[in-house]
Amino acid sequence: MSPASVVEHVVLFRIKDGADPAAVASWLEGLRSLAALEVVAHLAAAAVLRCRGPLQFTHALHCRYRTAADLAAYATHPAHLEVVRDFGAGICEGLVAVDWVAELDTATEVGLRPSAAVRVTLARLREGAAAAERTEVAAALREAGASSRGVEQVTGGENFSPARADGFAVASLWAFPSSEELPMLEVEGSSAAESVVTVDFVVPPLPTLSCPDPLEG
């Protein structure tokens, strides 16, 4: 069965200490409403369950797009820009964003079901690491995920959007039926990796979708 290509988009956020919980809830609601956009194949925004590594994040956004052009259309869509400007700007003090191309089996659901648990791993490689080492780290993360008990989806690859990646060059995503599978798993580092950040979160219930979608908007 031939694979289907998707573009993975992950943003890890650090929300300010003491941020108004109502403002955070409104921001999450705004992010989730973007799942209604025609260019979005899957979107989940949630609080982080666990974060391991030198950087700490509080929330995660995971989206899937059928093409890089769809990702670009999402990035410039008025509804997305409104959420960033009106809801996120005042409460977010830092973020990292990465994008990579993934191959999914055609029998695999592009969207992850609510209550699925997701582990995202980002690797920043040591200075001077060769392109072959990036490929090796990405392959190692995919292999580690594929060998994990209960895993339902595994993707991984090299980040192609360095502008907001803070040096993270490789990313992977593992999906499990629930959070119960996650505590037993640890992501091992690599000799080529300078630092690794691992974030776990749970896909929230599907929102009531009401976001308008005229791209020219």
C-alpha atoms as a PDB file:
ATOM      1  CA  MET A   1       0.000   0.000   0.000  1.00  0.00           C
ATOM      2  CA  SER A   2       1.547   3.296  -1.065  1.00  0.00           C
ATOM      3  CA  PRO A   3       2.119   5.974   1.595  1.00  0.00           C
ATOM      4  CA  ALA A   4       0.435   9.362   1.696  1.00  0.00           C
ATOM      5  CA  SER A   5       2.558  12.452   2.236  1.00  0.00           C
ATOM      6  CA  VAL A   6       1.544  15.083   4.790  1.00  0.00           C
ATOM      7  CA  VAL A   7       3.246  18.125   6.266  1.00  0.00           C
ATOM      8  CA  GLU A   8       3.593  18.064  10.053  1.00  0.00           C
ATOM      9  CA  HIS A   9       3.537  21.430  11.841  1.00  0.00           C
ATOM     10  CA  VAL A  10       4.293  21.592  15.567  1.00  0.00           C
ATOM     11  CA  VAL A  11       4.509  24.710  17.713  1.00  0.00           C
ATOM     12  CA  LEU A  12       5.559  24.511  21.358  1.00  0.00           C
ATOM     13  CA  PHE A  13       4.576  27.509  23.483  1.00  0.00           C
ATOM     14  CA  ARG A  14       5.684  28.870  26.832  1.00  0.00           C
ATOM     15  CA  ILE A  15       2.861  30.830  28.448  1.00  0.00           C
ATOM     16  CA  LYS A  16       3.774  33.539  30.939  1.00  0.00           C
ATOM     17  CA  ASP A  17       3.657  32.699  34.631  1.00  0.00           C
ATOM     18  CA  GLY A  18       0.545  34.221  36.118  1.00  0.00           C
ATOM     19  CA  ALA A  19      -1.285  34.529  32.802  1.00  0.00           C
ATOM     20  CA  ASP A  20      -5.037  34.909  33.239  1.00  0.00           C
ATOM     21  CA  PRO A  21      -6.555  31.402  32.930  1.00  0.00           C
ATOM     22  CA  ALA A  22      -9.530  32.863  31.059  1.00  0.00           C
ATOM     23  CA  ALA A  23      -7.172  34.438  28.513  1.00  0.00           C
ATOM     24  CA  VAL A  24      -5.347  31.128  28.077  1.00  0.00           C
ATOM     25  CA  ALA A  25      -8.655  29.306  27.587  1.00  0.00           C
ATOM     26  CA  SER A  26      -9.766  31.850  24.975  1.00  0.00           C
ATOM     27  CA  TRP A  27      -6.449  31.489  23.155  1.00  0.00           C
ATOM     28  CA  LEU A  28      -6.759  27.691  23.073  1.00  0.00           C
ATOM     29  CA  GLU A  29     -10.340  27.976  21.859  1.00  0.00           C
ATOM     30  CA  GLY A  30      -9.172  30.315  19.108  1.00  0.00           C
ATOM     31  CA  LEU A  31      -6.418  27.937  18.027  1.00  0.00           C
ATOM     32  CA  ARG A  32      -8.810  24.981  17.961  1.00  0.00           C
ATOM     33  CA  SER A  33     -11.295  26.910  15.845  1.00  0.00           C
ATOM     34  CA  LEU A  34      -8.689  26.997  13.067  1.00  0.00           C
ATOM     35  CA  ALA A  35      -9.395  23.305  12.456  1.00  0.00           C
ATOM     36  CA  ALA A  36     -12.346  24.560  10.378  1.00  0.00           C
ATOM     37  CA  LEU A  37     -10.031  26.024   7.741  1.00  0.00           C
ATOM     38  CA  GLU A  38     -10.178  24.055   4.513  1.00  0.00           C
ATOM     39  CA  VAL A  39      -6.386  23.837   4.265  1.00  0.00           C
ATOM     40  CA  VAL A  40      -6.086  22.155   7.683  1.00  0.00           C
ATOM     41  CA  ALA A  41      -6.232  18.348   7.621  1.00  0.00           C
ATOM     42  CA  HIS A  42      -5.818  17.972  11.403  1.00  0.00           C
ATOM     43  CA  LEU A  43      -5.343  20.359  14.324  1.00  0.00           C
ATOM     44  CA  ALA A  44      -4.957  19.810  18.053  1.00  0.00           C
ATOM     45  CA  ALA A  45      -4.009  22.400  20.687  1.00  0.00           C
ATOM     46  CA  ALA A  46      -3.556  21.384  24.311  1.00  0.00           C
ATOM     47  CA  ALA A  47      -1.720  21.926  27.553  1.00  0.00           C
ATOM     48  CA  VAL A  48       1.488  19.919  27.904  1.00  0.00           C
ATOM     49  CA  LEU A  49       1.408  16.889  30.202  1.00  0.00           C
ATOM     50  CA  ARG A  50       5.192  16.581  30.527  1.00  0.00           C
ATOM     51  CA  CYS A  51       8.182  18.412  29.128  1.00  0.00           C
ATOM     52  CA  ARG A  52      11.710  17.031  29.389  1.00  0.00           C
ATOM     53  CA  GLY A  53      14.810  18.865  28.269  1.00  0.00           C
ATOM     54  CA  PRO A  54      16.697  22.143  28.630  1.00  0.00           C
ATOM     55  CA  LEU A  55      13.689  24.224  27.516  1.00  0.00           C
ATOM     56  CA  GLN A  56      10.295  24.158  29.180  1.00  0.00           C
ATOM     57  CA  PHE A  57       6.998  24.533  27.334  1.00  0.00           C
ATOM     58  CA  THR A  58       3.438  24.692  28.619  1.00  0.00           C
ATOM     59  CA  HIS A  59       1.284  24.158  25.513  1.00  0.00           C
ATOM     60  CA  ALA A  60       1.505  22.428  22.143  1.00  0.00           C
ATOM     61  CA  LEU A  61      -0.124  22.900  18.745  1.00  0.00           C
ATOM     62  CA  HIS A  62      -0.006  20.076  16.204  1.00  0.00           C
ATOM     63  CA  CYS A  63      -1.372  20.480  12.676  1.00  0.00           C
ATOM     64  CA  ARG A  64      -1.265  18.417   9.520  1.00  0.00           C
ATOM     65  CA  TYR A  65      -1.539  19.724   5.973  1.00  0.00           C
ATOM     66  CA  ARG A  66      -1.749  17.894   2.684  1.00  0.00           C
ATOM     67  CA  THR A  67       0.868  20.142   1.067  1.00  0.00           C
ATOM     68  CA  ALA A  68       3.410  22.825   1.938  1.00  0.00           C
ATOM     69  CA  ALA A  69       1.202  25.262   0.026  1.00  0.00           C
ATOM     70  CA  ASP A  70      -1.629  24.519   2.466  1.00  0.00           C
ATOM     71  CA  LEU A  71       0.720  25.251   5.378  1.00  0.00           C
ATOM     72  CA  ALA A  72       1.673  28.570   3.779  1.00  0.00           C
ATOM     73  CA  ALA A  73      -1.994  29.435   3.241  1.00  0.00           C
ATOM     74  CA  TYR A  74      -2.734  28.665   6.901  1.00  0.00           C
ATOM     75  CA  ALA A  75       0.175  30.818   8.095  1.00  0.00           C
ATOM     76  CA  THR A  76      -1.143  33.888   6.284  1.00  0.00           C
ATOM     77  CA  HIS A  77      -4.865  33.253   6.720  1.00  0.00           C
ATOM     78  CA  PRO A  78      -6.666  36.195   8.405  1.00  0.00           C
ATOM     79  CA  ALA A  79      -8.291  33.897  10.974  1.00  0.00           C
ATOM     80  CA  HIS A  80      -4.898  32.537  12.039  1.00  0.00           C
ATOM     81  CA  LEU A  81      -3.341  35.990  12.208  1.00  0.00           C
ATOM     82  CA  GLU A  82      -6.272  37.192  14.317  1.00  0.00           C
ATOM     83  CA  VAL A  83      -5.784  34.421  16.876  1.00  0.00           C
ATOM     84  CA  VAL A  84      -2.062  35.183  17.103  1.00  0.00           C
ATOM     85  CA  ARG A  85      -2.610  38.928  17.425  1.00  0.00           C
ATOM     86  CA  ASP A  86      -5.704  39.103  19.614  1.00  0.00           C
ATOM     87  CA  PHE A  87      -5.299  36.058  21.854  1.00  0.00           C
ATOM     88  CA  GLY A  88      -1.694  34.858  21.894  1.00  0.00           C
ATOM     89  CA  ALA A  89       0.458  37.977  21.831  1.00  0.00           C
ATOM     90  CA  GLY A  90      -0.251  39.053  25.409  1.00  0.00           C
ATOM     91  CA  ILE A  91       0.238  35.705  27.125  1.00  0.00           C
ATOM     92  CA  CYS A  92       2.972  33.900  25.168  1.00  0.00           C
ATOM     93  CA  GLU A  93       6.596  34.571  26.138  1.00  0.00           C
ATOM     94  CA  GLY A  94       8.312  32.085  23.871  1.00  0.00           C
ATOM     95  CA  LEU A  95       7.788  29.437  21.218  1.00  0.00           C
ATOM     96  CA  VAL A  96       9.509  26.973  18.923  1.00  0.00           C
ATOM     97  CA  ALA A  97       7.979  25.913  15.599  1.00  0.00           C
ATOM     98  CA  VAL A  98       9.072  23.086  13.306  1.00  0.00           C
ATOM     99  CA  ASP A  99       7.777  21.562  10.075  1.00  0.00           C
ATOM    100  CA  TRP A 100       8.626  18.295   8.378  1.00  0.00           C
ATOM    101  CA  VAL A 101       7.302  16.042   5.638  1.00  0.00           C
ATOM    102  CA  ALA A 102       5.904  12.710   6.815  1.00  0.00           C
ATOM    103  CA  GLU A 103       4.743   9.565   5.084  1.00  0.00           C
ATOM    104  CA  LEU A 104       1.549   8.001   6.426  1.00  0.00           C
ATOM    105  CA  ASP A 105       0.173   4.655   5.374  1.00  0.00           C
ATOM    106  CA  THR A 106      -2.932   5.311   3.288  1.00  0.00           C
ATOM    107  CA  ALA A 107      -4.937   3.237   5.777  1.00  0.00           C
ATOM    108  CA  THR A 108      -3.887   5.588   8.567  1.00  0.00           C
ATOM    109  CA  GLU A 109      -6.213   8.351   9.672  1.00  0.00           C
ATOM    110  CA  VAL A 110      -4.671  11.738   8.931  1.00  0.00           C
ATOM    111  CA  GLY A 111      -6.399  13.134  12.002  1.00  0.00           C
ATOM    112  CA  LEU A 112      -5.627  11.846  15.496  1.00  0.00           C
ATOM    113  CA  ARG A 113      -8.695  10.946  17.522  1.00  0.00           C
ATOM    114  CA  PRO A 114      -9.585  12.756  20.757  1.00  0.00           C
ATOM    115  CA  SER A 115      -7.880  11.275  23.848  1.00  0.00           C
ATOM    116  CA  ALA A 116      -4.933  10.023  21.792  1.00  0.00           C
ATOM    117  CA  ALA A 117      -1.616  10.757  23.490  1.00  0.00           C
ATOM    118  CA  VAL A 118       1.151  12.397  21.483  1.00  0.00           C
ATOM    119  CA  ARG A 119       4.872  12.535  22.125  1.00  0.00           C
ATOM    120  CA  VAL A 120       6.832  15.146  20.167  1.00  0.00           C
ATOM    121  CA  THR A 121      10.630  15.073  20.243  1.00  0.00           C
ATOM    122  CA  LEU A 122      12.848  17.864  18.916  1.00  0.00           C
ATOM    123  CA  ALA A 123      16.600  17.429  18.488  1.00  0.00           C
ATOM    124  CA  ARG A 124      19.146  20.223  18.163  1.00  0.00           C
ATOM    125  CA  LEU A 125      22.298  18.818  16.593  1.00  0.00           C
ATOM    126  CA  ARG A 126      25.821  19.642  17.636  1.00  0.00           C
ATOM    127  CA  GLU A 127      27.638  22.325  15.664  1.00  0.00           C
ATOM    128  CA  GLY A 128      29.091  21.003  12.448  1.00  0.00           C
ATOM    129  CA  ALA A 129      26.818  17.975  12.218  1.00  0.00           C
ATOM    130  CA  ALA A 130      26.636  16.685   8.664  1.00  0.00           C
ATOM    131  CA  ALA A 131      23.459  16.252   6.665  1.00  0.00           C
ATOM    132  CA  ALA A 132      23.868  12.492   6.958  1.00  0.00           C
ATOM    133  CA  GLU A 133      23.775  12.794  10.745  1.00  0.00           C
ATOM    134  CA  ARG A 134      20.473  14.690  10.590  1.00  0.00           C
ATOM    135  CA  THR A 135      19.073  11.877   8.496  1.00  0.00           C
ATOM    136  CA  GLU A 136      20.400   9.284  10.948  1.00  0.00           C
ATOM    137  CA  VAL A 137      18.881  11.037  13.973  1.00  0.00           C
ATOM    138  CA  ALA A 138      15.502  11.301  12.245  1.00  0.00           C
ATOM    139  CA  ALA A 139      15.624   7.615  11.321  1.00  0.00           C
ATOM    140  CA  ALA A 140      16.615   6.631  14.872  1.00  0.00           C
ATOM    141  CA  LEU A 141      13.663   8.530  16.331  1.00  0.00           C
ATOM    142  CA  ARG A 142      11.272   6.882  13.892  1.00  0.00           C
ATOM    143  CA  GLU A 143      12.688   3.445  14.687  1.00  0.00           C
ATOM    144  CA  ALA A 144      12.430   4.045  18.437  1.00  0.00           C
ATOM    145  CA  GLY A 145       8.815   5.074  18.047  1.00  0.00           C
ATOM    146  CA  ALA A 146       7.944   2.143  15.809  1.00  0.00           C
ATOM    147  CA  SER A 147       9.336  -0.312  18.373  1.00  0.00           C
ATOM    148  CA  SER A 148       7.317   1.177  21.256  1.00  0.00           C
ATOM    149  CA  ARG A 149       4.478  -0.939  22.610  1.00  0.00           C
ATOM    150  CA  GLY A 150       1.041   0.312  21.624  1.00  0.00           C
ATOM    151  CA  VAL A 151       2.196   3.014  19.229  1.00  0.00           C
ATOM    152  CA  GLU A 152      -0.349   3.822  16.504  1.00  0.00           C
ATOM    153  CA  GLN A 153       1.453   6.416  14.390  1.00  0.00           C
ATOM    154  CA  VAL A 154       5.096   7.391  13.998  1.00  0.00           C
ATOM    155  CA  THR A 155       6.508  10.173  11.854  1.00  0.00           C
ATOM    156  CA  GLY A 156       9.805  11.983  11.840  1.00  0.00           C
ATOM    157  CA  GLY A 157      12.015  14.053   9.629  1.00  0.00           C
ATOM    158  CA  GLU A 158      14.239  17.056   9.122  1.00  0.00           C
ATOM    159  CA  ASN A 159      12.783  20.479   9.877  1.00  0.00           C
ATOM    160  CA  PHE A 160      12.446  22.603   6.743  1.00  0.00           C
ATOM    161  CA  SER A 161      11.427  25.860   8.498  1.00  0.00           C
ATOM    162  CA  PRO A 162      14.442  27.036  10.533  1.00  0.00           C
ATOM    163  CA  ALA A 163      13.275  30.619  11.177  1.00  0.00           C
ATOM    164  CA  ARG A 164      11.400  29.850  14.414  1.00  0.00           C
ATOM    165  CA  ALA A 165      12.987  26.507  15.262  1.00  0.00           C
ATOM    166  CA  ASP A 166      15.652  27.807  17.692  1.00  0.00           C
ATOM    167  CA  GLY A 167      18.193  25.461  16.133  1.00  0.00           C
ATOM    168  CA  PHE A 168      16.087  22.295  16.315  1.00  0.00           C
ATOM    169  CA  ALA A 169      16.805  20.440  13.086  1.00  0.00           C
ATOM    170  CA  VAL A 170      15.021  17.111  13.558  1.00  0.00           C
ATOM    171  CA  ALA A 171      11.569  16.268  14.901  1.00  0.00           C
ATOM    172  CA  SER A 172       9.441  13.207  15.490  1.00  0.00           C
ATOM    173  CA  LEU A 173       5.878  12.469  16.552  1.00  0.00           C
ATOM    174  CA  TRP A 174       4.566   9.298  18.145  1.00  0.00           C
ATOM    175  CA  ALA A 175       0.848   8.747  18.785  1.00  0.00           C
ATOM    176  CA  PHE A 176      -0.658   6.305  21.288  1.00  0.00           C
ATOM    177  CA  PRO A 177      -4.224   5.319  22.202  1.00  0.00           C
ATOM    178  CA  SER A 178      -4.053   7.127  25.550  1.00  0.00           C
ATOM    179  CA  SER A 179      -1.684   8.766  28.026  1.00  0.00           C
ATOM    180  CA  GLU A 180      -1.338   5.513  29.973  1.00  0.00           C
ATOM    181  CA  GLU A 181       1.280   4.295  27.493  1.00  0.00           C
ATOM    182  CA  LEU A 182       3.495   7.362  27.804  1.00  0.00           C
ATOM    183  CA  PRO A 183       5.118   7.152  31.277  1.00  0.00           C
ATOM    184  CA  MET A 184       6.923   3.907  30.410  1.00  0.00           C
ATOM    185  CA  LEU A 185       8.682   5.438  27.414  1.00  0.00           C
ATOM    186  CA  GLU A 186      11.853   7.476  27.356  1.00  0.00           C
ATOM    187  CA  VAL A 187      13.541   8.984  24.316  1.00  0.00           C
ATOM    188  CA  GLU A 188      17.260   8.292  24.203  1.00  0.00           C
ATOM    189  CA  GLY A 189      19.676  10.892  22.951  1.00  0.00           C
ATOM    190  CA  SER A 190      22.164  10.606  20.104  1.00  0.00           C
ATOM    191  CA  SER A 191      25.844  11.408  19.848  1.00  0.00           C
ATOM    192  CA  ALA A 192      24.955  13.879  17.092  1.00  0.00           C
ATOM    193  CA  ALA A 193      22.348  15.649  19.242  1.00  0.00           C
ATOM    194  CA  GLU A 194      23.401  18.626  21.335  1.00  0.00           C
ATOM    195  CA  SER A 195      20.047  18.788  23.140  1.00  0.00           C
ATOM    196  CA  VAL A 196      16.683  17.055  23.005  1.00  0.00           C
ATOM    197  CA  VAL A 197      13.258  18.287  24.105  1.00  0.00           C
ATOM    198  CA  THR A 198      10.385  15.849  24.552  1.00  0.00           C
ATOM    199  CA  VAL A 199       6.795  16.986  25.072  1.00  0.00           C
ATOM    200  CA  ASP A 200       3.707  14.887  25.782  1.00  0.00           C
ATOM    201  CA  PHE A 201       0.110  16.028  25.348  1.00  0.00           C
ATOM    202  CA  VAL A 202      -3.367  14.585  24.813  1.00  0.00           C
ATOM    203  CA  VAL A 203      -5.548  15.404  21.810  1.00  0.00           C
ATOM    204  CA  PRO A 204      -8.569  17.310  23.172  1.00  0.00           C
ATOM    205  CA  PRO A 205     -12.210  16.762  22.186  1.00  0.00           C
ATOM    206  CA  LEU A 206     -13.203  18.063  18.789  1.00  0.00           C
ATOM    207  CA  PRO A 207     -14.411  21.676  18.936  1.00  0.00           C
ATOM    208  CA  THR A 208     -17.596  23.048  17.510  1.00  0.00           C
ATOM    209  CA  LEU A 209     -16.233  24.399  14.245  1.00  0.00           C
ATOM    210  CA  SER A 210     -17.436  27.836  13.242  1.00  0.00           C
ATOM    211  CA  CYS A 211     -14.355  29.509  11.783  1.00  0.00           C
ATOM    212  CA  PRO A 212     -14.964  31.210   8.419  1.00  0.00           C
ATOM    213  CA  ASP A 213     -12.752  30.079   5.568  1.00  0.00           C
ATOM    214  CA  PRO A 214     -12.512  32.500   2.685  1.00  0.00           C
ATOM    215  CA  LEU A 215      -8.760  32.414   2.027  1.00  0.00           C
ATOM    216  CA  GLU A 216      -8.892  35.836   0.512  1.00  0.00           C
ATOM    217  CA  GLY A 217     -10.526  37.017   3.627  1.00  0.00           C
END
